[in-house]
Each structure stands twice: as structure tokens, then as C-alpha cells.
All heavy atoms as atom14 arrays in JSON, in Angstrom:
{
  "sequence": "LYYREPVMLVEGKMQYVWDETGKRYLDCFGGIVTVSVGHCHPR",
  "atom14_mask": [
    [1, 1, 1, 1, 1, 1, 1, 1, 0, 0, 0, 0, 0, 0],
    [1, 1, 1, 1, 1, 1, 1, 1, 1, 1, 1, 1, 0, 0],
    [1, 1, 1, 1, 1, 1, 1, 1, 1, 1, 1, 1, 0, 0],
    [1, 1, 1, 1, 1, 1, 1, 1, 1, 1, 1, 0, 0, 0],
    [1, 1, 1, 1, 1, 1, 1, 1, 1, 0, 0, 0, 0, 0],
    [1, 1, 1, 1, 1, 1, 1, 0, 0, 0, 0, 0, 0, 0],
    [1, 1, 1, 1, 1, 1, 1, 0, 0, 0, 0, 0, 0, 0],
    [1, 1, 1, 1, 1, 1, 1, 1, 0, 0, 0, 0, 0, 0],
    [1, 1, 1, 1, 1, 1, 1, 1, 0, 0, 0, 0, 0, 0],
    [1, 1, 1, 1, 1, 1, 1, 0, 0, 0, 0, 0, 0, 0],
    [1, 1, 1, 1, 1, 1, 1, 1, 1, 0, 0, 0, 0, 0],
    [1, 1, 1, 1, 0, 0, 0, 0, 0, 0, 0, 0, 0, 0],
    [1, 1, 1, 1, 1, 1, 1, 1, 1, 0, 0, 0, 0, 0],
    [1, 1, 1, 1, 1, 1, 1, 1, 0, 0, 0, 0, 0, 0],
    [1, 1, 1, 1, 1, 1, 1, 1, 1, 0, 0, 0, 0, 0],
    [1, 1, 1, 1, 1, 1, 1, 1, 1, 1, 1, 1, 0, 0],
    [1, 1, 1, 1, 1, 1, 1, 0, 0, 0, 0, 0, 0, 0],
    [1, 1, 1, 1, 1, 1, 1, 1, 1, 1, 1, 1, 1, 1],
    [1, 1, 1, 1, 1, 1, 1, 1, 0, 0, 0, 0, 0, 0],
    [1, 1, 1, 1, 1, 1, 1, 1, 1, 0, 0, 0, 0, 0],
    [1, 1, 1, 1, 1, 1, 1, 0, 0, 0, 0, 0, 0, 0],
    [1, 1, 1, 1, 0, 0, 0, 0, 0, 0, 0, 0, 0, 0],
    [1, 1, 1, 1, 1, 1, 1, 1, 1, 0, 0, 0, 0, 0],
    [1, 1, 1, 1, 1, 1, 1, 1, 1, 1, 1, 0, 0, 0],
    [1, 1, 1, 1, 1, 1, 1, 1, 1, 1, 1, 1, 0, 0],
    [1, 1, 1, 1, 1, 1, 1, 1, 0, 0, 0, 0, 0, 0],
    [1, 1, 1, 1, 1, 1, 1, 1, 0, 0, 0, 0, 0, 0],
    [1, 1, 1, 1, 1, 1, 0, 0, 0, 0, 0, 0, 0, 0],
    [1, 1, 1, 1, 1, 1, 1, 1, 1, 1, 1, 0, 0, 0],
    [1, 1, 1, 1, 0, 0, 0, 0, 0, 0, 0, 0, 0, 0],
    [1, 1, 1, 1, 0, 0, 0, 0, 0, 0, 0, 0, 0, 0],
    [1, 1, 1, 1, 1, 1, 1, 1, 0, 0, 0, 0, 0, 0],
    [1, 1, 1, 1, 1, 1, 1, 0, 0, 0, 0, 0, 0, 0],
    [1, 1, 1, 1, 1, 1, 1, 0, 0, 0, 0, 0, 0, 0],
    [1, 1, 1, 1, 1, 1, 1, 0, 0, 0, 0, 0, 0, 0],
    [1, 1, 1, 1, 1, 1, 0, 0, 0, 0, 0, 0, 0, 0],
    [1, 1, 1, 1, 1, 1, 1, 0, 0, 0, 0, 0, 0, 0],
    [1, 1, 1, 1, 0, 0, 0, 0, 0, 0, 0, 0, 0, 0],
    [1, 1, 1, 1, 1, 1, 1, 1, 1, 1, 0, 0, 0, 0],
    [1, 1, 1, 1, 1, 1, 0, 0, 0, 0, 0, 0, 0, 0],
    [1, 1, 1, 1, 1, 1, 1, 1, 1, 1, 0, 0, 0, 0],
    [1, 1, 1, 1, 1, 1, 1, 0, 0, 0, 0, 0, 0, 0],
    [1, 1, 1, 1, 1, 1, 1, 1, 1, 1, 1, 0, 0, 0]
  ],
  "atom14_positions": [
    [[32.65, 49.58, 97.76], [32.43, 50.89, 98.37], [33.26, 50.99, 99.65], [33.41, 50.0, 100.38], [30.95, 51.09, 98.73], [30.0, 51.49, 97.6], [28.56, 51.37, 98.08], [30.29, 52.91, 97.11], [0.0, 0.0, 0.0], [0.0, 0.0, 0.0], [0.0, 0.0, 0.0], [0.0, 0.0, 0.0], [0.0, 0.0, 0.0], [0.0, 0.0, 0.0]],
    [[33.79, 52.14, 99.91], [34.47, 52.38, 101.18], [33.45, 52.76, 102.25], [32.47, 53.43, 101.96], [35.48, 53.5, 101.05], [36.75, 53.11, 100.31], [37.42, 54.02, 99.5], [37.3, 51.83, 100.44], [38.58, 53.66, 98.83], [38.45, 51.47, 99.77], [39.1, 52.39, 98.97], [40.24, 52.04, 98.32], [0.0, 0.0, 0.0], [0.0, 0.0, 0.0]],
    [[33.71, 52.33, 103.46], [32.96, 52.7, 104.66], [31.6, 52.0, 104.76], [30.93, 51.76, 103.76], [32.75, 54.22, 104.76], [34.0, 55.03, 104.51], [34.09, 55.88, 103.41], [35.1, 54.92, 105.35], [35.24, 56.6, 103.16], [36.25, 55.63, 105.12], [36.32, 56.47, 104.02], [37.46, 57.19, 103.77], [0.0, 0.0, 0.0], [0.0, 0.0, 0.0]],
    [[31.21, 51.67, 105.99], [29.9, 51.06, 106.21], [28.79, 51.99, 105.75], [27.77, 51.56, 105.21], [29.72, 50.74, 107.7], [30.62, 49.64, 108.23], [30.22, 49.25, 109.64], [31.12, 48.23, 110.21], [32.19, 48.52, 110.93], [32.49, 49.79, 111.19], [32.96, 47.57, 111.4], [0.0, 0.0, 0.0], [0.0, 0.0, 0.0], [0.0, 0.0, 0.0]],
    [[28.97, 53.29, 106.02], [28.04, 54.29, 105.52], [28.75, 55.03, 104.39], [29.54, 55.94, 104.62], [27.66, 55.28, 106.63], [26.67, 56.35, 106.22], [25.35, 55.78, 105.75], [24.93, 54.73, 106.28], [24.73, 56.4, 104.85], [0.0, 0.0, 0.0], [0.0, 0.0, 0.0], [0.0, 0.0, 0.0], [0.0, 0.0, 0.0], [0.0, 0.0, 0.0]],
    [[28.5, 54.63, 103.13], [29.26, 55.18, 102.01], [29.12, 56.7, 101.91], [28.09, 57.28, 102.25], [28.63, 54.51, 100.79], [27.97, 53.28, 101.33], [27.5, 53.65, 102.7], [0.0, 0.0, 0.0], [0.0, 0.0, 0.0], [0.0, 0.0, 0.0], [0.0, 0.0, 0.0], [0.0, 0.0, 0.0], [0.0, 0.0, 0.0], [0.0, 0.0, 0.0]],
    [[30.19, 57.32, 101.45], [30.19, 58.77, 101.23], [29.74, 59.04, 99.8], [30.21, 58.4, 98.85], [31.58, 59.37, 101.48], [31.58, 60.87, 101.21], [32.04, 59.08, 102.89], [0.0, 0.0, 0.0], [0.0, 0.0, 0.0], [0.0, 0.0, 0.0], [0.0, 0.0, 0.0], [0.0, 0.0, 0.0], [0.0, 0.0, 0.0], [0.0, 0.0, 0.0]],
    [[28.84, 59.97, 99.63], [28.36, 60.36, 98.3], [28.91, 61.75, 97.97], [28.52, 62.74, 98.59], [26.82, 60.37, 98.29], [26.22, 60.77, 96.95], [24.46, 60.41, 96.94], [23.88, 61.49, 95.63], [0.0, 0.0, 0.0], [0.0, 0.0, 0.0], [0.0, 0.0, 0.0], [0.0, 0.0, 0.0], [0.0, 0.0, 0.0], [0.0, 0.0, 0.0]],
    [[29.83, 61.8, 97.04], [30.48, 63.05, 96.68], [29.86, 63.61, 95.4], [29.76, 62.92, 94.39], [31.98, 62.82, 96.47], [32.73, 62.25, 97.69], [34.18, 62.01, 97.36], [32.59, 63.19, 98.89], [0.0, 0.0, 0.0], [0.0, 0.0, 0.0], [0.0, 0.0, 0.0], [0.0, 0.0, 0.0], [0.0, 0.0, 0.0], [0.0, 0.0, 0.0]],
    [[29.44, 64.87, 95.46], [28.73, 65.47, 94.33], [29.41, 66.72, 93.78], [29.0, 67.25, 92.75], [27.27, 65.82, 94.73], [26.51, 64.56, 95.1], [27.23, 66.83, 95.87], [0.0, 0.0, 0.0], [0.0, 0.0, 0.0], [0.0, 0.0, 0.0], [0.0, 0.0, 0.0], [0.0, 0.0, 0.0], [0.0, 0.0, 0.0], [0.0, 0.0, 0.0]],
    [[30.46, 67.18, 94.45], [31.15, 68.38, 93.97], [32.6, 68.37, 94.47], [32.89, 67.86, 95.56], [30.46, 69.66, 94.48], [31.07, 70.95, 93.93], [30.38, 72.19, 94.47], [29.44, 72.06, 95.29], [30.77, 73.31, 94.07], [0.0, 0.0, 0.0], [0.0, 0.0, 0.0], [0.0, 0.0, 0.0], [0.0, 0.0, 0.0], [0.0, 0.0, 0.0]],
    [[33.49, 68.89, 93.64], [34.88, 68.99, 94.04], [35.5, 70.27, 93.51], [35.2, 70.71, 92.4], [0.0, 0.0, 0.0], [0.0, 0.0, 0.0], [0.0, 0.0, 0.0], [0.0, 0.0, 0.0], [0.0, 0.0, 0.0], [0.0, 0.0, 0.0], [0.0, 0.0, 0.0], [0.0, 0.0, 0.0], [0.0, 0.0, 0.0], [0.0, 0.0, 0.0]],
    [[36.34, 70.89, 94.31], [37.07, 72.07, 93.89], [38.43, 72.07, 94.58], [38.51, 72.16, 95.8], [36.3, 73.35, 94.22], [36.97, 74.6, 93.67], [36.1, 75.83, 93.88], [36.76, 77.07, 93.26], [35.93, 78.28, 93.46], [0.0, 0.0, 0.0], [0.0, 0.0, 0.0], [0.0, 0.0, 0.0], [0.0, 0.0, 0.0], [0.0, 0.0, 0.0]],
    [[39.48, 71.93, 93.77], [40.85, 71.86, 94.26], [40.99, 70.77, 95.33], [40.68, 69.64, 95.07], [41.31, 73.24, 94.74], [41.29, 74.28, 93.62], [42.24, 73.82, 92.14], [43.91, 73.95, 92.76], [0.0, 0.0, 0.0], [0.0, 0.0, 0.0], [0.0, 0.0, 0.0], [0.0, 0.0, 0.0], [0.0, 0.0, 0.0], [0.0, 0.0, 0.0]],
    [[41.38, 71.12, 96.56], [41.64, 70.08, 97.56], [40.4, 69.65, 98.34], [40.49, 68.8, 99.22], [42.72, 70.55, 98.56], [42.28, 71.65, 99.52], [42.56, 73.04, 99.0], [42.38, 73.31, 97.81], [43.0, 73.92, 99.88], [0.0, 0.0, 0.0], [0.0, 0.0, 0.0], [0.0, 0.0, 0.0], [0.0, 0.0, 0.0], [0.0, 0.0, 0.0]],
    [[39.24, 70.21, 98.02], [38.03, 69.93, 98.78], [36.99, 69.2, 97.93], [36.9, 69.38, 96.71], [37.4, 71.22, 99.31], [38.28, 71.97, 100.28], [38.84, 73.2, 99.93], [38.57, 71.46, 101.55], [39.66, 73.89, 100.82], [39.38, 72.14, 102.44], [39.92, 73.36, 102.07], [40.73, 74.03, 102.95], [0.0, 0.0, 0.0], [0.0, 0.0, 0.0]],
    [[36.18, 68.36, 98.61], [35.0, 67.75, 97.99], [33.83, 67.92, 98.94], [34.0, 68.11, 100.15], [35.23, 66.25, 97.7], [36.23, 66.06, 96.56], [35.69, 65.49, 98.94], [0.0, 0.0, 0.0], [0.0, 0.0, 0.0], [0.0, 0.0, 0.0], [0.0, 0.0, 0.0], [0.0, 0.0, 0.0], [0.0, 0.0, 0.0], [0.0, 0.0, 0.0]],
    [[32.6, 67.88, 98.38], [31.38, 68.06, 99.17], [30.43, 66.89, 98.93], [30.36, 66.34, 97.81], [30.66, 69.34, 98.75], [31.3, 70.61, 99.23], [30.96, 71.37, 100.31], [32.41, 71.3, 98.61], [31.77, 72.47, 100.42], [32.68, 72.47, 99.39], [33.22, 71.06, 97.48], [33.69, 73.37, 99.07], [34.23, 71.96, 97.18], [34.47, 73.08, 97.97]],
    [[29.72, 66.48, 100.0], [28.7, 65.46, 99.81], [27.35, 66.1, 99.54], [27.24, 67.33, 99.42], [28.66, 64.51, 101.02], [28.18, 65.18, 102.31], [27.6, 66.29, 102.25], [28.38, 64.58, 103.39], [0.0, 0.0, 0.0], [0.0, 0.0, 0.0], [0.0, 0.0, 0.0], [0.0, 0.0, 0.0], [0.0, 0.0, 0.0], [0.0, 0.0, 0.0]],
    [[26.33, 65.28, 99.43], [25.01, 65.78, 99.02], [24.37, 66.69, 100.07], [23.44, 67.45, 99.76], [24.09, 64.6, 98.68], [23.45, 63.87, 99.87], [24.44, 62.99, 100.63], [25.63, 62.89, 100.23], [24.01, 62.36, 101.63], [0.0, 0.0, 0.0], [0.0, 0.0, 0.0], [0.0, 0.0, 0.0], [0.0, 0.0, 0.0], [0.0, 0.0, 0.0]],
    [[24.86, 66.63, 101.31], [24.3, 67.48, 102.36], [25.01, 68.84, 102.44], [24.63, 69.7, 103.23], [24.43, 66.81, 103.74], [25.81, 66.74, 104.13], [23.84, 65.41, 103.7], [0.0, 0.0, 0.0], [0.0, 0.0, 0.0], [0.0, 0.0, 0.0], [0.0, 0.0, 0.0], [0.0, 0.0, 0.0], [0.0, 0.0, 0.0], [0.0, 0.0, 0.0]],
    [[26.07, 69.0, 101.64], [26.84, 70.23, 101.69], [28.03, 70.16, 102.61], [28.77, 71.13, 102.78], [0.0, 0.0, 0.0], [0.0, 0.0, 0.0], [0.0, 0.0, 0.0], [0.0, 0.0, 0.0], [0.0, 0.0, 0.0], [0.0, 0.0, 0.0], [0.0, 0.0, 0.0], [0.0, 0.0, 0.0], [0.0, 0.0, 0.0], [0.0, 0.0, 0.0]],
    [[28.27, 68.99, 103.24], [29.41, 68.83, 104.13], [30.69, 68.8, 103.33], [30.8, 68.09, 102.33], [29.27, 67.55, 104.95], [30.38, 67.34, 105.97], [30.13, 66.07, 106.79], [31.22, 65.86, 107.84], [30.96, 64.63, 108.64], [0.0, 0.0, 0.0], [0.0, 0.0, 0.0], [0.0, 0.0, 0.0], [0.0, 0.0, 0.0], [0.0, 0.0, 0.0]],
    [[31.7, 69.57, 103.78], [32.96, 69.68, 103.06], [34.01, 68.75, 103.67], [34.11, 68.62, 104.89], [33.48, 71.12, 103.1], [34.69, 71.36, 102.21], [35.18, 72.79, 102.31], [35.88, 73.04, 103.58], [36.53, 74.16, 103.85], [36.57, 75.15, 102.96], [37.14, 74.31, 105.02], [0.0, 0.0, 0.0], [0.0, 0.0, 0.0], [0.0, 0.0, 0.0]],
    [[34.8, 68.13, 102.81], [35.88, 67.25, 103.23], [37.2, 67.72, 102.61], [37.22, 68.18, 101.46], [35.64, 65.81, 102.75], [34.38, 65.15, 103.24], [33.15, 65.42, 102.62], [34.39, 64.25, 104.3], [31.98, 64.81, 103.05], [33.23, 63.63, 104.74], [32.02, 63.92, 104.11], [30.87, 63.31, 104.53], [0.0, 0.0, 0.0], [0.0, 0.0, 0.0]],
    [[38.28, 67.58, 103.35], [39.61, 67.76, 102.78], [40.0, 66.43, 102.14], [40.07, 65.4, 102.82], [40.62, 68.13, 103.87], [42.08, 68.23, 103.44], [42.28, 69.33, 102.41], [42.99, 68.45, 104.64], [0.0, 0.0, 0.0], [0.0, 0.0, 0.0], [0.0, 0.0, 0.0], [0.0, 0.0, 0.0], [0.0, 0.0, 0.0], [0.0, 0.0, 0.0]],
    [[40.25, 66.44, 100.84], [40.53, 65.21, 100.11], [42.01, 64.85, 100.23], [42.85, 65.41, 99.53], [40.13, 65.37, 98.64], [40.26, 64.07, 97.87], [40.63, 63.06, 98.48], [39.98, 64.08, 96.65], [0.0, 0.0, 0.0], [0.0, 0.0, 0.0], [0.0, 0.0, 0.0], [0.0, 0.0, 0.0], [0.0, 0.0, 0.0], [0.0, 0.0, 0.0]],
    [[42.32, 63.93, 101.11], [43.69, 63.44, 101.26], [43.93, 62.18, 100.43], [45.0, 61.59, 100.5], [43.98, 63.14, 102.72], [44.03, 64.59, 103.78], [0.0, 0.0, 0.0], [0.0, 0.0, 0.0], [0.0, 0.0, 0.0], [0.0, 0.0, 0.0], [0.0, 0.0, 0.0], [0.0, 0.0, 0.0], [0.0, 0.0, 0.0], [0.0, 0.0, 0.0]],
    [[42.94, 61.79, 99.65], [43.01, 60.55, 98.89], [43.18, 60.81, 97.4], [43.79, 60.04, 96.68], [41.74, 59.74, 99.16], [41.89, 58.28, 98.91], [42.96, 57.56, 99.42], [40.94, 57.59, 98.16], [43.09, 56.19, 99.19], [41.05, 56.24, 97.94], [42.12, 55.54, 98.45], [0.0, 0.0, 0.0], [0.0, 0.0, 0.0], [0.0, 0.0, 0.0]],
    [[42.62, 61.91, 96.94], [42.78, 62.31, 95.54], [42.22, 61.31, 94.55], [42.76, 61.16, 93.46], [0.0, 0.0, 0.0], [0.0, 0.0, 0.0], [0.0, 0.0, 0.0], [0.0, 0.0, 0.0], [0.0, 0.0, 0.0], [0.0, 0.0, 0.0], [0.0, 0.0, 0.0], [0.0, 0.0, 0.0], [0.0, 0.0, 0.0], [0.0, 0.0, 0.0]],
    [[41.12, 60.64, 94.9], [40.57, 59.68, 93.96], [41.59, 58.61, 93.6], [41.75, 58.26, 92.44], [0.0, 0.0, 0.0], [0.0, 0.0, 0.0], [0.0, 0.0, 0.0], [0.0, 0.0, 0.0], [0.0, 0.0, 0.0], [0.0, 0.0, 0.0], [0.0, 0.0, 0.0], [0.0, 0.0, 0.0], [0.0, 0.0, 0.0], [0.0, 0.0, 0.0]],
    [[42.3, 58.08, 94.59], [43.41, 57.15, 94.41], [44.48, 57.82, 93.54], [44.86, 57.34, 92.48], [42.97, 55.8, 93.8], [41.66, 55.32, 94.41], [44.07, 54.76, 94.01], [41.16, 54.01, 93.83], [0.0, 0.0, 0.0], [0.0, 0.0, 0.0], [0.0, 0.0, 0.0], [0.0, 0.0, 0.0], [0.0, 0.0, 0.0], [0.0, 0.0, 0.0]],
    [[44.9, 58.96, 93.98], [45.99, 59.77, 93.4], [45.75, 60.19, 91.95], [46.68, 60.57, 91.26], [47.38, 59.08, 93.52], [47.65, 58.69, 94.95], [47.52, 57.86, 92.6], [0.0, 0.0, 0.0], [0.0, 0.0, 0.0], [0.0, 0.0, 0.0], [0.0, 0.0, 0.0], [0.0, 0.0, 0.0], [0.0, 0.0, 0.0], [0.0, 0.0, 0.0]],
    [[44.52, 60.14, 91.48], [44.28, 60.55, 90.11], [44.19, 62.07, 89.97], [44.52, 62.62, 88.92], [42.97, 59.93, 89.57], [41.87, 60.34, 90.4], [43.05, 58.41, 89.59], [0.0, 0.0, 0.0], [0.0, 0.0, 0.0], [0.0, 0.0, 0.0], [0.0, 0.0, 0.0], [0.0, 0.0, 0.0], [0.0, 0.0, 0.0], [0.0, 0.0, 0.0]],
    [[43.71, 62.73, 91.0], [43.49, 64.18, 90.93], [44.79, 64.86, 91.4], [44.92, 65.27, 92.53], [42.28, 64.6, 91.78], [41.98, 66.09, 91.54], [41.07, 63.76, 91.42], [0.0, 0.0, 0.0], [0.0, 0.0, 0.0], [0.0, 0.0, 0.0], [0.0, 0.0, 0.0], [0.0, 0.0, 0.0], [0.0, 0.0, 0.0], [0.0, 0.0, 0.0]],
    [[45.73, 64.96, 90.49], [47.08, 65.36, 90.86], [47.25, 66.85, 91.06], [48.19, 67.28, 91.74], [48.08, 64.88, 89.8], [47.64, 65.22, 88.5], [0.0, 0.0, 0.0], [0.0, 0.0, 0.0], [0.0, 0.0, 0.0], [0.0, 0.0, 0.0], [0.0, 0.0, 0.0], [0.0, 0.0, 0.0], [0.0, 0.0, 0.0], [0.0, 0.0, 0.0]],
    [[46.37, 67.68, 90.49], [46.51, 69.13, 90.66], [45.25, 69.77, 91.23], [45.11, 70.99, 91.22], [46.89, 69.82, 89.32], [48.21, 69.29, 88.8], [45.8, 69.67, 88.28], [0.0, 0.0, 0.0], [0.0, 0.0, 0.0], [0.0, 0.0, 0.0], [0.0, 0.0, 0.0], [0.0, 0.0, 0.0], [0.0, 0.0, 0.0], [0.0, 0.0, 0.0]],
    [[44.35, 68.97, 91.75], [43.14, 69.5, 92.38], [41.89, 69.27, 91.56], [41.92, 69.29, 90.32], [0.0, 0.0, 0.0], [0.0, 0.0, 0.0], [0.0, 0.0, 0.0], [0.0, 0.0, 0.0], [0.0, 0.0, 0.0], [0.0, 0.0, 0.0], [0.0, 0.0, 0.0], [0.0, 0.0, 0.0], [0.0, 0.0, 0.0], [0.0, 0.0, 0.0]],
    [[40.78, 69.05, 92.24], [39.5, 68.85, 91.57], [39.12, 70.08, 90.75], [39.17, 71.21, 91.24], [38.4, 68.57, 92.6], [38.55, 67.26, 93.3], [38.09, 66.08, 92.79], [39.12, 66.95, 94.51], [38.35, 65.09, 93.63], [38.98, 65.6, 94.68], [0.0, 0.0, 0.0], [0.0, 0.0, 0.0], [0.0, 0.0, 0.0], [0.0, 0.0, 0.0]],
    [[38.74, 69.84, 89.51], [38.21, 70.91, 88.64], [39.15, 72.12, 88.61], [38.69, 73.27, 88.68], [36.81, 71.33, 89.09], [35.62, 69.97, 89.12], [0.0, 0.0, 0.0], [0.0, 0.0, 0.0], [0.0, 0.0, 0.0], [0.0, 0.0, 0.0], [0.0, 0.0, 0.0], [0.0, 0.0, 0.0], [0.0, 0.0, 0.0], [0.0, 0.0, 0.0]],
    [[40.43, 71.86, 88.52], [41.38, 72.97, 88.43], [40.98, 73.86, 87.26], [40.79, 73.38, 86.14], [42.8, 72.43, 88.22], [43.87, 73.46, 88.35], [44.05, 74.46, 87.41], [44.82, 73.67, 89.3], [45.06, 75.23, 87.77], [45.54, 74.77, 88.93], [0.0, 0.0, 0.0], [0.0, 0.0, 0.0], [0.0, 0.0, 0.0], [0.0, 0.0, 0.0]],
    [[40.81, 75.16, 87.48], [40.26, 76.03, 86.44], [41.07, 76.03, 85.14], [40.5, 76.12, 84.05], [40.24, 77.41, 87.09], [41.15, 77.32, 88.27], [41.09, 75.91, 88.73], [0.0, 0.0, 0.0], [0.0, 0.0, 0.0], [0.0, 0.0, 0.0], [0.0, 0.0, 0.0], [0.0, 0.0, 0.0], [0.0, 0.0, 0.0], [0.0, 0.0, 0.0]],
    [[42.39, 75.91, 85.25], [43.21, 75.91, 84.04], [43.01, 74.63, 83.23], [42.95, 74.67, 82.0], [44.68, 76.06, 84.42], [45.62, 76.21, 83.24], [47.0, 76.63, 83.72], [47.97, 76.6, 82.65], [49.26, 76.87, 82.8], [49.71, 77.22, 84.01], [50.09, 76.8, 81.79], [0.0, 0.0, 0.0], [0.0, 0.0, 0.0], [0.0, 0.0, 0.0]]
  ]
}
């Protein structure tokens, strides 16, 4: 796990992800570059 206090991600949309509290993060990591065109890209 990354970080002493692990991050719990429950939602993603394009360049953003959200944790269980609703806090939004800008994803500069892309799931180790796997999310190449954005989380849950509608197309």
C-alpha cells in the first residue's frame, strides 16, 4: 500500500478520483499509467 495512511479510492472520472469521504484528487499517477485516456472515459 502507498502512504502511511492509505488512500481509499471509490470513484473515478477522467483525470479525477474521489475517496470515500468525497474528497477529490487530481490523478497524476494514472494507476501506474494504465488509465491512458481517463477514468471511465464515456466512449
